[in-house]
C-alpha cells in the first residue's frame, strides 16, 4: 500500500499537521484523481500516530495504478486543486 506522505487539505477531518490519519483512502474515479475519502466535519477522524495509505485507486489512467492499487514507491501527496481534495502525485499515462 502506498503511503500518503503529505496532505495539504486543511479542511479534511482526517488531516492533522499536514498528515492524513485515515487508515486508507480511495483515490479517483474514471475522470479525476480526487480523494474520495475527504470529509469536512467538525469532528476529527482517523488514527493519531498513523500515516494513512492508499487503499484503492480508481484513476485508471494514472501511470502508478496497477490493478486498482497505487504503486507509487515514494508515496503520494494530496492537495486542494480547484476546491477539491486531489492526488497531486497523479501522472497520466
PDB file of N, CA and C in Angstrom:
ATOM      1  N   UNK A   1       0.849  -1.173   0.000  1.00  0.00           N
ATOM      2  CA  UNK A   1       0.000   0.000   0.000  1.00  0.00           C
ATOM      3  C   UNK A   1       0.894   1.235   0.000  1.00  0.00           C
ATOM      4  N   UNK A   2       0.658   2.125  -0.955  1.00  0.00           N
ATOM      5  CA  UNK A   2       1.412   3.376  -0.995  1.00  0.00           C
ATOM      6  C   UNK A   2       0.995   4.262   0.170  1.00  0.00           C
ATOM      7  N   UNK A   3       1.948   4.942   0.755  1.00  0.00           N
ATOM      8  CA  UNK A   3       1.655   5.824   1.882  1.00  0.00           C
ATOM      9  C   UNK A   3       1.296   7.222   1.391  1.00  0.00           C
ATOM     10  N   UNK A   4       0.638   7.976   2.250  1.00  0.00           N
ATOM     11  CA  UNK A   4       0.349   9.381   1.981  1.00  0.00           C
ATOM     12  C   UNK A   4       1.419  10.171   2.722  1.00  0.00           C
ATOM     13  N   UNK A   5       2.342  10.754   1.986  1.00  0.00           N
ATOM     14  CA  UNK A   5       3.473  11.433   2.612  1.00  0.00           C
ATOM     15  C   UNK A   5       3.133  12.839   3.077  1.00  0.00           C
ATOM     16  N   UNK A   6       2.087  13.433   2.469  1.00  0.00           N
ATOM     17  CA  UNK A   6       1.673  14.777   2.871  1.00  0.00           C
ATOM     18  C   UNK A   6       0.246  15.024   2.403  1.00  0.00           C
ATOM     19  N   UNK A   7      -0.547  15.660   3.255  1.00  0.00           N
ATOM     20  CA  UNK A   7      -1.893  16.089   2.885  1.00  0.00           C
ATOM     21  C   UNK A   7      -2.033  17.562   3.246  1.00  0.00           C
ATOM     22  N   UNK A   8      -2.242  18.383   2.231  1.00  0.00           N
ATOM     23  CA  UNK A   8      -2.371  19.825   2.441  1.00  0.00           C
ATOM     24  C   UNK A   8      -3.826  20.282   2.471  1.00  0.00           C
ATOM     25  N   UNK A   9      -4.761  19.341   2.552  1.00  0.00           N
ATOM     26  CA  UNK A   9      -6.188  19.673   2.565  1.00  0.00           C
ATOM     27  C   UNK A   9      -6.597  19.932   4.013  1.00  0.00           C
ATOM     28  N   UNK A  10      -6.445  21.179   4.445  1.00  0.00           N
ATOM     29  CA  UNK A  10      -6.658  21.538   5.846  1.00  0.00           C
ATOM     30  C   UNK A  10      -8.096  21.343   6.305  1.00  0.00           C
ATOM     31  N   UNK A  11      -9.060  21.378   5.379  1.00  0.00           N
ATOM     32  CA  UNK A  11     -10.466  21.249   5.747  1.00  0.00           C
ATOM     33  C   UNK A  11     -10.881  19.800   6.009  1.00  0.00           C
ATOM     34  N   UNK A  12     -10.029  18.838   5.715  1.00  0.00           N
ATOM     35  CA  UNK A  12     -10.397  17.434   5.872  1.00  0.00           C
ATOM     36  C   UNK A  12     -10.294  16.996   7.333  1.00  0.00           C
ATOM     37  N   UNK A  13     -11.290  16.275   7.780  1.00  0.00           N
ATOM     38  CA  UNK A  13     -11.326  15.803   9.168  1.00  0.00           C
ATOM     39  C   UNK A  13     -10.253  14.769   9.480  1.00  0.00           C
ATOM     40  N   UNK A  14      -9.655  14.166   8.466  1.00  0.00           N
ATOM     41  CA  UNK A  14      -8.583  13.192   8.673  1.00  0.00           C
ATOM     42  C   UNK A  14      -7.202  13.843   8.710  1.00  0.00           C
ATOM     43  N   UNK A  15      -7.127  15.144   8.429  1.00  0.00           N
ATOM     44  CA  UNK A  15      -5.844  15.838   8.350  1.00  0.00           C
ATOM     45  C   UNK A  15      -5.484  16.473   9.690  1.00  0.00           C
ATOM     46  N   UNK A  16      -4.277  16.197  10.148  1.00  0.00           N
ATOM     47  CA  UNK A  16      -3.709  16.875  11.314  1.00  0.00           C
ATOM     48  C   UNK A  16      -2.240  17.117  11.014  1.00  0.00           C
ATOM     49  N   UNK A  17      -1.834  18.366  11.074  1.00  0.00           N
ATOM     50  CA  UNK A  17      -0.434  18.732  10.834  1.00  0.00           C
ATOM     51  C   UNK A  17       0.060  18.265   9.463  1.00  0.00           C
ATOM     52  N   UNK A  18      -0.779  18.445   8.445  1.00  0.00           N
ATOM     53  CA  UNK A  18      -0.450  18.078   7.056  1.00  0.00           C
ATOM     54  C   UNK A  18      -0.189  16.589   6.857  1.00  0.00           C
ATOM     55  N   UNK A  19      -0.743  15.767   7.719  1.00  0.00           N
ATOM     56  CA  UNK A  19      -0.648  14.312   7.576  1.00  0.00           C
ATOM     57  C   UNK A  19      -2.053  13.725   7.592  1.00  0.00           C
ATOM     58  N   UNK A  20      -2.271  12.742   6.735  1.00  0.00           N
ATOM     59  CA  UNK A  20      -3.554  12.049   6.694  1.00  0.00           C
ATOM     60  C   UNK A  20      -3.535  10.920   7.722  1.00  0.00           C
ATOM     61  N   UNK A  21      -4.599  10.853   8.522  1.00  0.00           N
ATOM     62  CA  UNK A  21      -4.679   9.828   9.552  1.00  0.00           C
ATOM     63  C   UNK A  21      -5.811   8.831   9.303  1.00  0.00           C
ATOM     64  N   UNK A  22      -6.348   8.821   8.063  1.00  0.00           N
ATOM     65  CA  UNK A  22      -7.285   7.762   7.675  1.00  0.00           C
ATOM     66  C   UNK A  22      -6.462   6.491   7.481  1.00  0.00           C
ATOM     67  N   UNK A  23      -6.993   5.365   7.868  1.00  0.00           N
ATOM     68  CA  UNK A  23      -6.250   4.113   7.692  1.00  0.00           C
ATOM     69  C   UNK A  23      -5.932   3.903   6.221  1.00  0.00           C
ATOM     70  N   UNK A  24      -6.925   4.139   5.365  1.00  0.00           N
ATOM     71  CA  UNK A  24      -6.717   4.013   3.923  1.00  0.00           C
ATOM     72  C   UNK A  24      -7.707   4.914   3.200  1.00  0.00           C
ATOM     73  N   UNK A  25      -7.257   5.552   2.134  1.00  0.00           N
ATOM     74  CA  UNK A  25      -8.135   6.387   1.325  1.00  0.00           C
ATOM     75  C   UNK A  25      -8.398   5.709  -0.018  1.00  0.00           C
ATOM     76  N   UNK A  26      -9.457   6.172  -0.666  1.00  0.00           N
ATOM     77  CA  UNK A  26      -9.747   5.771  -2.038  1.00  0.00           C
ATOM     78  C   UNK A  26      -9.521   6.985  -2.921  1.00  0.00           C
ATOM     79  N   UNK A  27      -8.776   6.801  -3.986  1.00  0.00           N
ATOM     80  CA  UNK A  27      -8.468   7.892  -4.908  1.00  0.00           C
ATOM     81  C   UNK A  27      -9.194   7.667  -6.216  1.00  0.00           C
ATOM     82  N   UNK A  28      -9.792   8.758  -6.697  1.00  0.00           N
ATOM     83  CA  UNK A  28     -10.203   8.827  -8.076  1.00  0.00           C
ATOM     84  C   UNK A  28     -11.524   8.240  -8.482  1.00  0.00           C
ATOM     85  N   UNK A  29     -11.792   8.538  -9.714  1.00  0.00           N
ATOM     86  CA  UNK A  29     -12.865   7.917 -10.469  1.00  0.00           C
ATOM     87  C   UNK A  29     -12.363   7.855 -11.902  1.00  0.00           C
ATOM     88  N   UNK A  30     -13.229   7.666 -12.833  1.00  0.00           N
ATOM     89  CA  UNK A  30     -12.753   7.482 -14.205  1.00  0.00           C
ATOM     90  C   UNK A  30     -12.222   8.754 -14.847  1.00  0.00           C
ATOM     91  N   UNK A  31     -12.476   9.923 -14.248  1.00  0.00           N
ATOM     92  CA  UNK A  31     -12.023  11.151 -14.890  1.00  0.00           C
ATOM     93  C   UNK A  31     -11.094  12.014 -14.050  1.00  0.00           C
ATOM     94  N   UNK A  32     -11.085  11.858 -12.726  1.00  0.00           N
ATOM     95  CA  UNK A  32     -10.252  12.710 -11.870  1.00  0.00           C
ATOM     96  C   UNK A  32      -9.660  11.906 -10.719  1.00  0.00           C
ATOM     97  N   UNK A  33      -8.490  12.332 -10.270  1.00  0.00           N
ATOM     98  CA  UNK A  33      -7.820  11.660  -9.150  1.00  0.00           C
ATOM     99  C   UNK A  33      -8.166  12.351  -7.832  1.00  0.00           C
ATOM    100  N   UNK A  34      -9.454  12.433  -7.532  1.00  0.00           N
ATOM    101  CA  UNK A  34      -9.905  13.060  -6.296  1.00  0.00           C
ATOM    102  C   UNK A  34      -9.750  12.102  -5.124  1.00  0.00           C
ATOM    103  N   UNK A  35      -9.582  12.662  -3.935  1.00  0.00           N
ATOM    104  CA  UNK A  35      -9.584  11.847  -2.724  1.00  0.00           C
ATOM    105  C   UNK A  35     -11.042  11.632  -2.332  1.00  0.00           C
ATOM    106  N   UNK A  36     -11.547  10.441  -2.584  1.00  0.00           N
ATOM    107  CA  UNK A  36     -12.945  10.129  -2.281  1.00  0.00           C
ATOM    108  C   UNK A  36     -13.197   9.971  -0.785  1.00  0.00           C
ATOM    109  N   UNK A  37     -12.154   9.949   0.017  1.00  0.00           N
ATOM    110  CA  UNK A  37     -12.292   9.797   1.465  1.00  0.00           C
ATOM    111  C   UNK A  37     -12.428  11.148   2.158  1.00  0.00           C
ATOM    112  N   UNK A  38     -12.169  12.237   1.455  1.00  0.00           N
ATOM    113  CA  UNK A  38     -12.272  13.586   2.018  1.00  0.00           C
ATOM    114  C   UNK A  38     -13.617  13.791   2.702  1.00  0.00           C
ATOM    115  N   UNK A  39     -13.569  14.339   3.903  1.00  0.00           N
ATOM    116  CA  UNK A  39     -14.785  14.704   4.633  1.00  0.00           C
ATOM    117  C   UNK A  39     -14.493  15.973   5.437  1.00  0.00           C
ATOM    118  N   UNK A  40     -15.418  16.913   5.397  1.00  0.00           N
ATOM    119  CA  UNK A  40     -15.259  18.178   6.108  1.00  0.00           C
ATOM    120  C   UNK A  40     -16.306  18.232   7.213  1.00  0.00           C
ATOM    121  N   UNK A  41     -15.889  17.871   8.429  1.00  0.00           N
ATOM    122  CA  UNK A  41     -16.766  17.876   9.597  1.00  0.00           C
ATOM    123  C   UNK A  41     -16.014  18.505  10.767  1.00  0.00           C
ATOM    124  N   UNK A  42     -16.736  18.929  11.773  1.00  0.00           N
ATOM    125  CA  UNK A  42     -16.092  19.468  12.969  1.00  0.00           C
ATOM    126  C   UNK A  42     -15.339  18.376  13.718  1.00  0.00           C
ATOM    127  N   UNK A  43     -15.870  17.167  13.671  1.00  0.00           N
ATOM    128  CA  UNK A  43     -15.238  16.034  14.350  1.00  0.00           C
ATOM    129  C   UNK A  43     -13.985  15.599  13.597  1.00  0.00           C
ATOM    130  N   UNK A  44     -12.902  15.371  14.332  1.00  0.00           N
ATOM    131  CA  UNK A  44     -11.673  14.879  13.720  1.00  0.00           C
ATOM    132  C   UNK A  44     -11.734  13.360  13.661  1.00  0.00           C
ATOM    133  N   UNK A  45     -11.222  12.803  12.568  1.00  0.00           N
ATOM    134  CA  UNK A  45     -11.274  11.362  12.382  1.00  0.00           C
ATOM    135  C   UNK A  45      -9.898  10.757  12.216  1.00  0.00           C
ATOM    136  N   UNK A  46      -9.872   9.475  12.049  1.00  0.00           N
ATOM    137  CA  UNK A  46      -8.625   8.763  11.806  1.00  0.00           C
ATOM    138  C   UNK A  46      -7.967   8.266  13.068  1.00  0.00           C
ATOM    139  N   UNK A  47      -6.766   7.755  12.897  1.00  0.00           N
ATOM    140  CA  UNK A  47      -5.988   7.183  13.988  1.00  0.00           C
ATOM    141  C   UNK A  47      -4.737   8.030  14.181  1.00  0.00           C
ATOM    142  N   UNK A  48      -4.664   8.728  15.293  1.00  0.00           N
ATOM    143  CA  UNK A  48      -3.490   9.563  15.567  1.00  0.00           C
ATOM    144  C   UNK A  48      -2.246   8.692  15.631  1.00  0.00           C
ATOM    145  N   UNK A  49      -1.157   9.180  15.093  1.00  0.00           N
ATOM    146  CA  UNK A  49       0.088   8.424  15.080  1.00  0.00           C
ATOM    147  C   UNK A  49       0.206   7.495  13.885  1.00  0.00           C
ATOM    148  N   UNK A  50      -0.858   7.385  13.092  1.00  0.00           N
ATOM    149  CA  UNK A  50      -0.843   6.529  11.909  1.00  0.00           C
ATOM    150  C   UNK A  50      -0.741   7.395  10.665  1.00  0.00           C
ATOM    151  N   UNK A  51       0.169   7.053   9.783  1.00  0.00           N
ATOM    152  CA  UNK A  51       0.243   7.715   8.478  1.00  0.00           C
ATOM    153  C   UNK A  51      -0.651   6.937   7.528  1.00  0.00           C
ATOM    154  N   UNK A  52      -1.582   7.636   6.890  1.00  0.00           N
ATOM    155  CA  UNK A  52      -2.539   6.987   6.001  1.00  0.00           C
ATOM    156  C   UNK A  52      -1.901   6.390   4.764  1.00  0.00           C
ATOM    157  N   UNK A  53      -2.655   5.531   4.128  1.00  0.00           N
ATOM    158  CA  UNK A  53      -2.209   4.903   2.897  1.00  0.00           C
ATOM    159  C   UNK A  53      -3.311   4.922   1.858  1.00  0.00           C
ATOM    160  N   UNK A  54      -2.985   4.495   0.649  1.00  0.00           N
ATOM    161  CA  UNK A  54      -3.962   4.429  -0.434  1.00  0.00           C
ATOM    162  C   UNK A  54      -4.499   3.003  -0.496  1.00  0.00           C
ATOM    163  N   UNK A  55      -5.751   2.841  -0.109  1.00  0.00           N
ATOM    164  CA  UNK A  55      -6.356   1.516  -0.120  1.00  0.00           C
ATOM    165  C   UNK A  55      -6.805   1.086  -1.497  1.00  0.00           C
ATOM    166  N   UNK A  56      -7.253   2.044  -2.302  1.00  0.00           N
ATOM    167  CA  UNK A  56      -7.708   1.740  -3.660  1.00  0.00           C
ATOM    168  C   UNK A  56      -7.523   2.968  -4.535  1.00  0.00           C
ATOM    169  N   UNK A  57      -7.247   2.728  -5.806  1.00  0.00           N
ATOM    170  CA  UNK A  57      -7.122   3.817  -6.768  1.00  0.00           C
ATOM    171  C   UNK A  57      -7.973   3.496  -7.988  1.00  0.00           C
ATOM    172  N   UNK A  58      -8.945   4.383  -8.254  1.00  0.00           N
ATOM    173  CA  UNK A  58      -9.833   4.201  -9.400  1.00  0.00           C
ATOM    174  C   UNK A  58      -9.427   5.076 -10.583  1.00  0.00           C
ATOM    175  N   UNK A  59      -8.300   5.781 -10.468  1.00  0.00           N
ATOM    176  CA  UNK A  59      -7.812   6.625 -11.563  1.00  0.00           C
ATOM    177  C   UNK A  59      -7.079   5.735 -12.562  1.00  0.00           C
ATOM    178  N   UNK A  60      -7.844   5.074 -13.420  1.00  0.00           N
ATOM    179  CA  UNK A  60      -7.292   4.054 -14.324  1.00  0.00           C
ATOM    180  C   UNK A  60      -6.266   4.598 -15.304  1.00  0.00           C
ATOM    181  N   UNK A  61      -6.260   5.909 -15.531  1.00  0.00           N
ATOM    182  CA  UNK A  61      -5.310   6.493 -16.471  1.00  0.00           C
ATOM    183  C   UNK A  61      -4.056   7.046 -15.795  1.00  0.00           C
ATOM    184  N   UNK A  62      -3.815   6.670 -14.547  1.00  0.00           N
ATOM    185  CA  UNK A  62      -2.594   7.086 -13.842  1.00  0.00           C
ATOM    186  C   UNK A  62      -1.517   6.023 -14.026  1.00  0.00           C
ATOM    187  N   UNK A  63      -0.301   6.472 -14.281  1.00  0.00           N
ATOM    188  CA  UNK A  63       0.786   5.509 -14.514  1.00  0.00           C
ATOM    189  C   UNK A  63       1.136   4.699 -13.273  1.00  0.00           C
ATOM    190  N   UNK A  64       0.719   5.156 -12.091  1.00  0.00           N
ATOM    191  CA  UNK A  64       1.009   4.432 -10.852  1.00  0.00           C
ATOM    192  C   UNK A  64      -0.076   3.411 -10.499  1.00  0.00           C
ATOM    193  N   UNK A  65      -1.171   3.371 -11.257  1.00  0.00           N
ATOM    194  CA  UNK A  65      -2.279   2.468 -10.975  1.00  0.00           C
ATOM    195  C   UNK A  65      -2.012   1.110 -11.612  1.00  0.00           C
ATOM    196  N   UNK A  66      -1.972   0.082 -10.768  1.00  0.00           N
ATOM    197  CA  UNK A  66      -1.824  -1.290 -11.252  1.00  0.00           C
ATOM    198  C   UNK A  66      -2.880  -2.137 -10.558  1.00  0.00           C
ATOM    199  N   UNK A  67      -3.813  -2.640 -11.330  1.00  0.00           N
ATOM    200  CA  UNK A  67      -4.889  -3.481 -10.786  1.00  0.00           C
ATOM    201  C   UNK A  67      -5.666  -2.784  -9.674  1.00  0.00           C
ATOM    202  N   UNK A  68      -5.947  -1.495  -9.864  1.00  0.00           N
ATOM    203  CA  UNK A  68      -6.703  -0.652  -8.929  1.00  0.00           C
ATOM    204  C   UNK A  68      -5.962  -0.381  -7.622  1.00  0.00           C
ATOM    205  N   UNK A  69      -4.665  -0.599  -7.606  1.00  0.00           N
ATOM    206  CA  UNK A  69      -3.814  -0.295  -6.448  1.00  0.00           C
ATOM    207  C   UNK A  69      -2.805   0.773  -6.850  1.00  0.00           C
ATOM    208  N   UNK A  70      -2.473   1.657  -5.921  1.00  0.00           N
ATOM    209  CA  UNK A  70      -1.452   2.668  -6.175  1.00  0.00           C
ATOM    210  C   UNK A  70      -0.081   2.038  -5.957  1.00  0.00           C
ATOM    211  N   UNK A  71       0.762   2.162  -6.950  1.00  0.00           N
ATOM    212  CA  UNK A  71       2.105   1.570  -6.882  1.00  0.00           C
ATOM    213  C   UNK A  71       3.193   2.631  -6.918  1.00  0.00           C
ATOM    214  N   UNK A  72       2.902   3.813  -6.382  1.00  0.00           N
ATOM    215  CA  UNK A  72       3.914   4.861  -6.298  1.00  0.00           C
ATOM    216  C   UNK A  72       4.865   4.502  -5.164  1.00  0.00           C
ATOM    217  N   UNK A  73       6.068   4.156  -5.497  1.00  0.00           N
ATOM    218  CA  UNK A  73       7.038   3.725  -4.497  1.00  0.00           C
ATOM    219  C   UNK A  73       7.416   4.793  -3.498  1.00  0.00           C
ATOM    220  N   UNK A  74       7.258   6.066  -3.876  1.00  0.00           N
ATOM    221  CA  UNK A  74       7.631   7.149  -2.969  1.00  0.00           C
ATOM    222  C   UNK A  74       6.428   7.730  -2.243  1.00  0.00           C
ATOM    223  N   UNK A  75       5.260   7.087  -2.355  1.00  0.00           N
ATOM    224  CA  UNK A  75       4.062   7.582  -1.689  1.00  0.00           C
ATOM    225  C   UNK A  75       3.371   8.648  -2.517  1.00  0.00           C
ATOM    226  N   UNK A  76       2.283   9.205  -1.970  1.00  0.00           N
ATOM    227  CA  UNK A  76       1.535  10.235  -2.686  1.00  0.00           C
ATOM    228  C   UNK A  76       1.367  11.477  -1.834  1.00  0.00           C
ATOM    229  N   UNK A  77       1.000  12.564  -2.503  1.00  0.00           N
ATOM    230  CA  UNK A  77       0.647  13.809  -1.842  1.00  0.00           C
ATOM    231  C   UNK A  77      -0.765  14.183  -2.258  1.00  0.00           C
ATOM    232  N   UNK A  78      -1.514  14.755  -1.325  1.00  0.00           N
ATOM    233  CA  UNK A  78      -2.875  15.206  -1.597  1.00  0.00           C
ATOM    234  C   UNK A  78      -2.929  16.695  -1.291  1.00  0.00           C
ATOM    235  N   UNK A  79      -3.493  17.469  -2.213  1.00  0.00           N
ATOM    236  CA  UNK A  79      -3.603  18.916  -2.063  1.00  0.00           C
ATOM    237  C   UNK A  79      -4.977  19.370  -2.537  1.00  0.00           C
ATOM    238  N   UNK A  80      -5.280  20.639  -2.289  1.00  0.00           N
ATOM    239  CA  UNK A  80      -6.513  21.222  -2.791  1.00  0.00           C
ATOM    240  C   UNK A  80      -6.262  21.764  -4.189  1.00  0.00           C
ATOM    241  N   UNK A  81      -7.032  21.273  -5.151  1.00  0.00           N
ATOM    242  CA  UNK A  81      -6.943  21.733  -6.533  1.00  0.00           C
ATOM    243  C   UNK A  81      -8.357  22.059  -6.987  1.00  0.00           C
ATOM    244  N   UNK A  82      -8.585  23.305  -7.349  1.00  0.00           N
ATOM    245  CA  UNK A  82      -9.922  23.705  -7.792  1.00  0.00           C
ATOM    246  C   UNK A  82     -10.993  23.496  -6.745  1.00  0.00           C
ATOM    247  N   UNK A  83     -10.632  23.609  -5.476  1.00  0.00           N
ATOM    248  CA  UNK A  83     -11.593  23.453  -4.390  1.00  0.00           C
ATOM    249  C   UNK A  83     -11.864  22.016  -3.978  1.00  0.00           C
ATOM    250  N   UNK A  84     -11.142  21.063  -4.572  1.00  0.00           N
ATOM    251  CA  UNK A  84     -11.336  19.646  -4.252  1.00  0.00           C
ATOM    252  C   UNK A  84     -10.045  19.020  -3.752  1.00  0.00           C
ATOM    253  N   UNK A  85     -10.169  17.971  -2.954  1.00  0.00           N
ATOM    254  CA  UNK A  85      -9.004  17.203  -2.493  1.00  0.00           C
ATOM    255  C   UNK A  85      -8.552  16.321  -3.652  1.00  0.00           C
ATOM    256  N   UNK A  86      -7.306  16.462  -4.063  1.00  0.00           N
ATOM    257  CA  UNK A  86      -6.814  15.850  -5.299  1.00  0.00           C
ATOM    258  C   UNK A  86      -5.462  15.195  -5.058  1.00  0.00           C
ATOM    259  N   UNK A  87      -5.267  14.017  -5.618  1.00  0.00           N
ATOM    260  CA  UNK A  87      -3.964  13.352  -5.551  1.00  0.00           C
ATOM    261  C   UNK A  87      -3.027  14.053  -6.530  1.00  0.00           C
ATOM    262  N   UNK A  88      -2.092  14.827  -6.007  1.00  0.00           N
ATOM    263  CA  UNK A  88      -1.189  15.588  -6.877  1.00  0.00           C
ATOM    264  C   UNK A  88      -0.021  14.747  -7.370  1.00  0.00           C
ATOM    265  N   UNK A  89       0.064  13.504  -6.942  1.00  0.00           N
ATOM    266  CA  UNK A  89       1.069  12.578  -7.469  1.00  0.00           C
ATOM    267  C   UNK A  89       0.571  11.946  -8.771  1.00  0.00           C
ATOM    268  N   UNK A  90      -0.712  12.072  -9.044  1.00  0.00           N
ATOM    269  CA  UNK A  90      -1.302  11.544 -10.277  1.00  0.00           C
ATOM    270  C   UNK A  90      -0.455  11.939 -11.480  1.00  0.00           C
ATOM    271  N   UNK A  91      -0.205  10.972 -12.339  1.00  0.00           N
ATOM    272  CA  UNK A  91       0.552  11.214 -13.572  1.00  0.00           C
ATOM    273  C   UNK A  91      -0.106  10.415 -14.694  1.00  0.00           C
ATOM    274  N   UNK A  92      -0.609  11.129 -15.674  1.00  0.00           N
ATOM    275  CA  UNK A  92      -1.326  10.486 -16.774  1.00  0.00           C
ATOM    276  C   UNK A  92      -0.409   9.601 -17.599  1.00  0.00           C
ATOM    277  N   UNK A  93      -0.957   8.476 -18.050  1.00  0.00           N
ATOM    278  CA  UNK A  93      -0.188   7.556 -18.901  1.00  0.00           C
ATOM    279  C   UNK A  93      -0.067   8.120 -20.301  1.00  0.00           C
TER     280      UNK A  93
END
